[in-house]
PDB file of N, CA and C in Angstrom:
ATOM      1  N   MET A   1     -12.870   7.273   9.046  1.00  0.00           N
ATOM      2  CA  MET A   1     -12.972   6.986  10.588  1.00  0.00           C
ATOM      3  C   MET A   1     -12.666   8.436  11.344  1.00  0.00           C
ATOM      4  N   GLY A   2     -11.598   9.062  10.839  1.00  0.00           N
ATOM      5  CA  GLY A   2     -11.281  10.330  11.369  1.00  0.00           C
ATOM      6  C   GLY A   2      -9.843   9.941  12.111  1.00  0.00           C
ATOM      7  N   THR A   3      -9.016  10.871  12.060  1.00  0.00           N
ATOM      8  CA  THR A   3      -7.534  10.499  12.963  1.00  0.00           C
ATOM      9  C   THR A   3      -7.475  11.271  14.350  1.00  0.00           C
ATOM     10  N   VAL A   4      -6.718  10.433  15.349  1.00  0.00           N
ATOM     11  CA  VAL A   4      -6.602  10.785  16.541  1.00  0.00           C
ATOM     12  C   VAL A   4      -5.013  11.758  16.529  1.00  0.00           C
ATOM     13  N   GLY A   5      -5.128  12.103  17.368  1.00  0.00           N
ATOM     14  CA  GLY A   5      -3.760  12.723  17.646  1.00  0.00           C
ATOM     15  C   GLY A   5      -2.931  12.095  18.751  1.00  0.00           C
ATOM     16  N   LYS A   6      -1.974  12.131  19.305  1.00  0.00           N
ATOM     17  CA  LYS A   6      -1.340  11.942  20.579  1.00  0.00           C
ATOM     18  C   LYS A   6       0.019  12.486  20.451  1.00  0.00           C
ATOM     19  N   LYS A   7       0.148  13.308  21.384  1.00  0.00           N
ATOM     20  CA  LYS A   7       1.426  14.062  21.500  1.00  0.00           C
ATOM     21  C   LYS A   7       2.826  13.097  22.041  1.00  0.00           C
ATOM     22  N   ILE A   8       3.867  13.592  21.910  1.00  0.00           N
ATOM     23  CA  ILE A   8       4.900  12.837  22.545  1.00  0.00           C
ATOM     24  C   ILE A   8       5.492  13.817  23.033  1.00  0.00           C
ATOM     25  N   LYS A   9       6.443  13.460  23.854  1.00  0.00           N
ATOM     26  CA  LYS A   9       7.647  14.439  24.599  1.00  0.00           C
ATOM     27  C   LYS A   9       9.014  14.449  23.875  1.00  0.00           C
ATOM     28  N   THR A  10       9.072  13.521  23.147  1.00  0.00           N
ATOM     29  CA  THR A  10      10.522  13.131  22.680  1.00  0.00           C
ATOM     30  C   THR A  10      10.546  12.976  21.175  1.00  0.00           C
ATOM     31  N   GLY A  11      11.696  13.130  21.160  1.00  0.00           N
ATOM     32  CA  GLY A  11      11.804  13.418  19.422  1.00  0.00           C
ATOM     33  C   GLY A  11      11.188  12.169  18.349  1.00  0.00           C
ATOM     34  N   TYR A  12      10.846  10.734  19.008  1.00  0.00           N
ATOM     35  CA  TYR A  12      10.509   9.757  18.227  1.00  0.00           C
ATOM     36  C   TYR A  12      10.400   8.889  19.292  1.00  0.00           C
ATOM     37  N   ILE A  13       9.214   7.906  18.831  1.00  0.00           N
ATOM     38  CA  ILE A  13       8.589   6.705  19.525  1.00  0.00           C
ATOM     39  C   ILE A  13       8.360   5.595  18.742  1.00  0.00           C
ATOM     40  N   ARG A  14       8.449   4.410  19.356  1.00  0.00           N
ATOM     41  CA  ARG A  14       8.462   2.972  18.564  1.00  0.00           C
ATOM     42  C   ARG A  14       7.487   3.010  18.307  1.00  0.00           C
ATOM     43  N   LEU A  15       7.295   2.001  17.156  1.00  0.00           N
ATOM     44  CA  LEU A  15       5.628   1.804  16.511  1.00  0.00           C
ATOM     45  C   LEU A  15       4.802   1.471  17.529  1.00  0.00           C
ATOM     46  N   ASP A  16       5.230   0.147  18.131  1.00  0.00           N
ATOM     47  CA  ASP A  16       4.624  -0.861  18.883  1.00  0.00           C
ATOM     48  C   ASP A  16       4.123  -0.089  20.308  1.00  0.00           C
ATOM     49  N   THR A  17       5.032   0.484  20.861  1.00  0.00           N
ATOM     50  CA  THR A  17       4.757   1.352  21.944  1.00  0.00           C
ATOM     51  C   THR A  17       3.889   2.968  21.740  1.00  0.00           C
ATOM     52  N   PHE A  18       3.904   2.956  20.613  1.00  0.00           N
ATOM     53  CA  PHE A  18       3.025   4.295  20.050  1.00  0.00           C
ATOM     54  C   PHE A  18       1.295   3.589  20.152  1.00  0.00           C
ATOM     55  N   LEU A  19       1.306   2.766  19.393  1.00  0.00           N
ATOM     56  CA  LEU A  19      -0.155   1.704  19.486  1.00  0.00           C
ATOM     57  C   LEU A  19      -0.569   1.858  20.646  1.00  0.00           C
ATOM     58  N   LYS A  20       0.488   1.203  21.658  1.00  0.00           N
ATOM     59  CA  LYS A  20      -0.268   0.846  22.978  1.00  0.00           C
ATOM     60  C   LYS A  20      -0.890   2.000  23.485  1.00  0.00           C
ATOM     61  N   LEU A  21       0.407   3.239  23.491  1.00  0.00           N
ATOM     62  CA  LEU A  21       0.043   4.269  24.176  1.00  0.00           C
ATOM     63  C   LEU A  21      -1.616   5.213  23.872  1.00  0.00           C
ATOM     64  N   CYS A  22      -1.907   4.686  22.703  1.00  0.00           N
ATOM     65  CA  CYS A  22      -2.871   5.113  21.957  1.00  0.00           C
ATOM     66  C   CYS A  22      -4.076   4.586  22.321  1.00  0.00           C
ATOM     67  N   GLY A  23      -3.924   3.041  22.934  1.00  0.00           N
ATOM     68  CA  GLY A  23      -4.926   2.559  23.516  1.00  0.00           C
ATOM     69  C   GLY A  23      -5.890   1.593  22.926  1.00  0.00           C
ATOM     70  N   VAL A  24      -4.369   1.249  21.432  1.00  0.00           N
ATOM     71  CA  VAL A  24      -4.838   0.479  20.407  1.00  0.00           C
ATOM     72  C   VAL A  24      -5.119  -0.864  20.462  1.00  0.00           C
ATOM     73  N   PHE A  25      -4.060  -1.423  21.414  1.00  0.00           N
ATOM     74  CA  PHE A  25      -4.107  -2.623  22.015  1.00  0.00           C
ATOM     75  C   PHE A  25      -3.329  -2.471  23.982  1.00  0.00           C
ATOM     76  N   GLU A  26      -3.463  -3.723  23.692  1.00  0.00           N
ATOM     77  CA  GLU A  26      -3.794  -3.325  25.919  1.00  0.00           C
ATOM     78  C   GLU A  26      -2.272  -3.505  26.172  1.00  0.00           C
ATOM     79  N   THR A  27      -1.199  -4.906  25.254  1.00  0.00           N
ATOM     80  CA  THR A  27      -0.555  -4.979  25.873  1.00  0.00           C
ATOM     81  C   THR A  27       0.549  -4.672  24.387  1.00  0.00           C
ATOM     82  N   GLY A  28       1.974  -4.407  24.451  1.00  0.00           N
ATOM     83  CA  GLY A  28       2.598  -4.382  23.853  1.00  0.00           C
ATOM     84  C   GLY A  28       3.041  -5.868  23.017  1.00  0.00           C
ATOM     85  N   GLY A  29       2.597  -6.797  23.466  1.00  0.00           N
ATOM     86  CA  GLY A  29       2.863  -7.993  22.814  1.00  0.00           C
ATOM     87  C   GLY A  29       1.694  -8.187  21.510  1.00  0.00           C
ATOM     88  N   GLN A  30       0.715  -7.773  22.096  1.00  0.00           N
ATOM     89  CA  GLN A  30      -0.791  -7.677  21.284  1.00  0.00           C
ATOM     90  C   GLN A  30      -0.167  -6.719  19.538  1.00  0.00           C
ATOM     91  N   ALA A  31       0.370  -5.671  20.202  1.00  0.00           N
ATOM     92  CA  ALA A  31       0.738  -4.538  19.121  1.00  0.00           C
ATOM     93  C   ALA A  31       1.799  -5.251  18.395  1.00  0.00           C
ATOM     94  N   LYS A  32       2.394  -5.996  18.934  1.00  0.00           N
ATOM     95  CA  LYS A  32       3.907  -6.548  17.899  1.00  0.00           C
ATOM     96  C   LYS A  32       3.491  -7.424  16.783  1.00  0.00           C
ATOM     97  N   ILE A  33       2.595  -8.205  17.684  1.00  0.00           N
ATOM     98  CA  ILE A  33       1.851  -9.363  16.534  1.00  0.00           C
ATOM     99  C   ILE A  33       1.268  -8.871  15.820  1.00  0.00           C
ATOM    100  N   ALA A  34       0.468  -7.416  15.901  1.00  0.00           N
ATOM    101  CA  ALA A  34      -0.552  -7.274  14.589  1.00  0.00           C
ATOM    102  C   ALA A  34       0.754  -6.179  13.415  1.00  0.00           C
ATOM    103  N   VAL A  35       1.395  -5.984  13.997  1.00  0.00           N
ATOM    104  CA  VAL A  35       2.571  -5.245  13.269  1.00  0.00           C
ATOM    105  C   VAL A  35       3.307  -6.285  12.180  1.00  0.00           C
ATOM    106  N   GLN A  36       4.133  -7.169  13.200  1.00  0.00           N
ATOM    107  CA  GLN A  36       4.605  -8.482  12.643  1.00  0.00           C
ATOM    108  C   GLN A  36       3.465  -9.067  11.470  1.00  0.00           C
ATOM    109  N   GLU A  37       2.265  -9.356  11.565  1.00  0.00           N
ATOM    110  CA  GLU A  37       0.959  -9.867  10.606  1.00  0.00           C
ATOM    111  C   GLU A  37       1.076  -8.932   9.512  1.00  0.00           C
ATOM    112  N   GLY A  38       1.266  -7.032   9.371  1.00  0.00           N
ATOM    113  CA  GLY A  38       1.262  -6.427   8.097  1.00  0.00           C
ATOM    114  C   GLY A  38      -0.130  -6.253   8.342  1.00  0.00           C
ATOM    115  N   LYS A  39      -0.485  -5.921   9.825  1.00  0.00           N
ATOM    116  CA  LYS A  39      -2.153  -5.297   9.679  1.00  0.00           C
ATOM    117  C   LYS A  39      -1.918  -3.671  10.173  1.00  0.00           C
ATOM    118  N   VAL A  40      -0.730  -3.389  10.225  1.00  0.00           N
ATOM    119  CA  VAL A  40      -0.750  -1.824  10.487  1.00  0.00           C
ATOM    120  C   VAL A  40       0.189  -1.165   9.448  1.00  0.00           C
ATOM    121  N   ARG A  41      -0.301   0.063   9.160  1.00  0.00           N
ATOM    122  CA  ARG A  41       0.206   1.068   8.296  1.00  0.00           C
ATOM    123  C   ARG A  41       1.163   2.043   8.493  1.00  0.00           C
ATOM    124  N   VAL A  42       2.159   2.280   8.155  1.00  0.00           N
ATOM    125  CA  VAL A  42       2.703   3.796   8.599  1.00  0.00           C
ATOM    126  C   VAL A  42       2.750   4.647   7.245  1.00  0.00           C
ATOM    127  N   ASN A  43       2.556   5.989   7.837  1.00  0.00           N
ATOM    128  CA  ASN A  43       2.294   6.491   6.478  1.00  0.00           C
ATOM    129  C   ASN A  43       1.769   6.258   5.220  1.00  0.00           C
ATOM    130  N   GLY A  44       0.820   5.396   5.233  1.00  0.00           N
ATOM    131  CA  GLY A  44      -0.181   5.188   4.228  1.00  0.00           C
ATOM    132  C   GLY A  44       0.817   3.340   3.520  1.00  0.00           C
ATOM    133  N   GLU A  45       1.640   3.059   4.190  1.00  0.00           N
ATOM    134  CA  GLU A  45       2.473   1.468   3.708  1.00  0.00           C
ATOM    135  C   GLU A  45       2.765   0.742   4.639  1.00  0.00           C
ATOM    136  N   VAL A  46       2.304  -0.210   4.641  1.00  0.00           N
ATOM    137  CA  VAL A  46       2.331  -1.660   5.207  1.00  0.00           C
ATOM    138  C   VAL A  46       3.589  -1.728   6.023  1.00  0.00           C
ATOM    139  N   CYS A  47       3.614  -1.838   7.308  1.00  0.00           N
ATOM    140  CA  CYS A  47       5.110  -1.874   7.917  1.00  0.00           C
ATOM    141  C   CYS A  47       4.923  -3.119   9.058  1.00  0.00           C
ATOM    142  N   THR A  48       5.852  -3.862   9.007  1.00  0.00           N
ATOM    143  CA  THR A  48       6.082  -5.337   9.618  1.00  0.00           C
ATOM    144  C   THR A  48       7.199  -4.664  10.744  1.00  0.00           C
ATOM    145  N   MET A  49       7.762  -3.570  11.062  1.00  0.00           N
ATOM    146  CA  MET A  49       9.021  -3.465  11.493  1.00  0.00           C
ATOM    147  C   MET A  49       8.319  -2.886  13.042  1.00  0.00           C
ATOM    148  N   ARG A  50       8.294  -3.567  14.209  1.00  0.00           N
ATOM    149  CA  ARG A  50       7.445  -3.036  15.073  1.00  0.00           C
ATOM    150  C   ARG A  50       8.075  -1.885  16.061  1.00  0.00           C
ATOM    151  N   GLY A  51       9.944  -2.441  15.715  1.00  0.00           N
ATOM    152  CA  GLY A  51      10.679  -1.101  16.213  1.00  0.00           C
ATOM    153  C   GLY A  51      10.518   0.177  15.599  1.00  0.00           C
ATOM    154  N   LYS A  52       9.861   0.270  14.328  1.00  0.00           N
ATOM    155  CA  LYS A  52       9.904   1.572  13.259  1.00  0.00           C
ATOM    156  C   LYS A  52       9.488   3.133  14.286  1.00  0.00           C
ATOM    157  N   LYS A  53      10.674   3.746  14.051  1.00  0.00           N
ATOM    158  CA  LYS A  53      10.646   4.754  14.505  1.00  0.00           C
ATOM    159  C   LYS A  53       9.770   5.879  13.969  1.00  0.00           C
ATOM    160  N   LEU A  54       8.738   6.038  14.930  1.00  0.00           N
ATOM    161  CA  LEU A  54       7.656   7.151  14.527  1.00  0.00           C
ATOM    162  C   LEU A  54       8.027   8.630  15.304  1.00  0.00           C
ATOM    163  N   LYS A  55       7.725   9.881  14.301  1.00  0.00           N
ATOM    164  CA  LYS A  55       8.467  11.217  14.942  1.00  0.00           C
ATOM    165  C   LYS A  55       6.848  12.042  14.068  1.00  0.00           C
ATOM    166  N   PRO A  56       6.874  13.041  15.013  1.00  0.00           N
ATOM    167  CA  PRO A  56       5.928  14.311  14.802  1.00  0.00           C
ATOM    168  C   PRO A  56       5.183  14.295  13.046  1.00  0.00           C
ATOM    169  N   GLY A  57       4.147  14.095  12.534  1.00  0.00           N
ATOM    170  CA  GLY A  57       3.570  14.053  11.621  1.00  0.00           C
ATOM    171  C   GLY A  57       3.520  12.770  10.598  1.00  0.00           C
ATOM    172  N   ASP A  58       4.134  11.583  11.523  1.00  0.00           N
ATOM    173  CA  ASP A  58       3.833  10.546  11.147  1.00  0.00           C
ATOM    174  C   ASP A  58       2.657   9.919  11.574  1.00  0.00           C
ATOM    175  N   SER A  59       2.246   9.082  10.724  1.00  0.00           N
ATOM    176  CA  SER A  59       0.515   8.463  11.310  1.00  0.00           C
ATOM    177  C   SER A  59       0.629   6.938  10.902  1.00  0.00           C
ATOM    178  N   ALA A  60      -0.166   5.870  12.266  1.00  0.00           N
ATOM    179  CA  ALA A  60      -0.142   4.800  11.755  1.00  0.00           C
ATOM    180  C   ALA A  60      -1.766   4.518  11.727  1.00  0.00           C
ATOM    181  N   GLU A  61      -1.968   3.501  11.012  1.00  0.00           N
ATOM    182  CA  GLU A  61      -3.518   3.277  10.774  1.00  0.00           C
ATOM    183  C   GLU A  61      -3.410   1.924  11.056  1.00  0.00           C
ATOM    184  N   TYR A  62      -4.365   1.523  11.792  1.00  0.00           N
ATOM    185  CA  TYR A  62      -4.813  -0.045  12.466  1.00  0.00           C
ATOM    186  C   TYR A  62      -6.363   0.137  12.241  1.00  0.00           C
ATOM    187  N   ALA A  63      -7.427  -0.927  11.632  1.00  0.00           N
ATOM    188  CA  ALA A  63      -8.588  -1.234  11.494  1.00  0.00           C
ATOM    189  C   ALA A  63      -9.350   0.120  11.209  1.00  0.00           C
ATOM    190  N   GLY A  64      -8.784   0.209  10.314  1.00  0.00           N
ATOM    191  CA  GLY A  64      -9.645   1.823  10.080  1.00  0.00           C
ATOM    192  C   GLY A  64      -9.377   3.218  10.492  1.00  0.00           C
ATOM    193  N   LYS A  65      -9.066   3.186  11.794  1.00  0.00           N
ATOM    194  CA  LYS A  65      -8.374   4.101  12.329  1.00  0.00           C
ATOM    195  C   LYS A  65      -7.279   4.535  12.196  1.00  0.00           C
ATOM    196  N   THR A  66      -7.171   5.976  12.024  1.00  0.00           N
ATOM    197  CA  THR A  66      -5.604   6.599  11.765  1.00  0.00           C
ATOM    198  C   THR A  66      -5.394   7.445  13.444  1.00  0.00           C
ATOM    199  N   TYR A  67      -4.119   7.391  13.596  1.00  0.00           N
ATOM    200  CA  TYR A  67      -3.380   7.988  15.135  1.00  0.00           C
ATOM    201  C   TYR A  67      -2.199   8.434  14.341  1.00  0.00           C
ATOM    202  N   GLU A  68      -2.248   9.996  14.915  1.00  0.00           N
ATOM    203  CA  GLU A  68      -1.175  10.502  14.281  1.00  0.00           C
ATOM    204  C   GLU A  68      -0.220  11.023  15.706  1.00  0.00           C
ATOM    205  N   VAL A  69       1.315  11.220  15.194  1.00  0.00           N
ATOM    206  CA  VAL A  69       2.122  11.271  15.911  1.00  0.00           C
ATOM    207  C   VAL A  69       2.373  13.203  16.148  1.00  0.00           C
ATOM    208  N   LYS A  70       1.991  13.508  17.293  1.00  0.00           N
ATOM    209  CA  LYS A  70       2.028  15.377  17.523  1.00  0.00           C
ATOM    210  C   LYS A  70       3.116  15.698  18.316  1.00  0.00           C
ATOM    211  N   ASP A  71       3.767  16.784  17.955  1.00  0.00           N
ATOM    212  CA  ASP A  71       4.800  17.458  19.232  1.00  0.00           C
ATOM    213  C   ASP A  71       3.958  17.969  20.267  1.00  0.00           C
ATOM    214  N   ALA A  72       5.247  17.342  21.705  1.00  0.00           N
ATOM    215  CA  ALA A  72       4.340  18.206  22.459  1.00  0.00           C
ATOM    216  C   ALA A  72       4.369  19.574  22.892  1.00  0.00           C
TER     217      ALA A  72
END
C-alpha cells in the first residue's frame, strides 16, 4: 500500500509516539495497546515494546501500511 515517511528532528523516537505522530492512532494509549497486542511490525518483525526506540531508516508497519522514520 506504499510507505509514508515522517521526519524527526531528534536522534530517535519511541514507537508509540511515532505511530501517534503519523496519525495511525489518535492517542498514545491506543498505540500502546496495538503494540502490546503484537499488531505492529518494526523493520519487518513483530514488536511488542511500545518504548522501542526508532531512528532514521527504521520503519513501522500497521494494518498493511508502512511508516518510515526520516532524518529532518
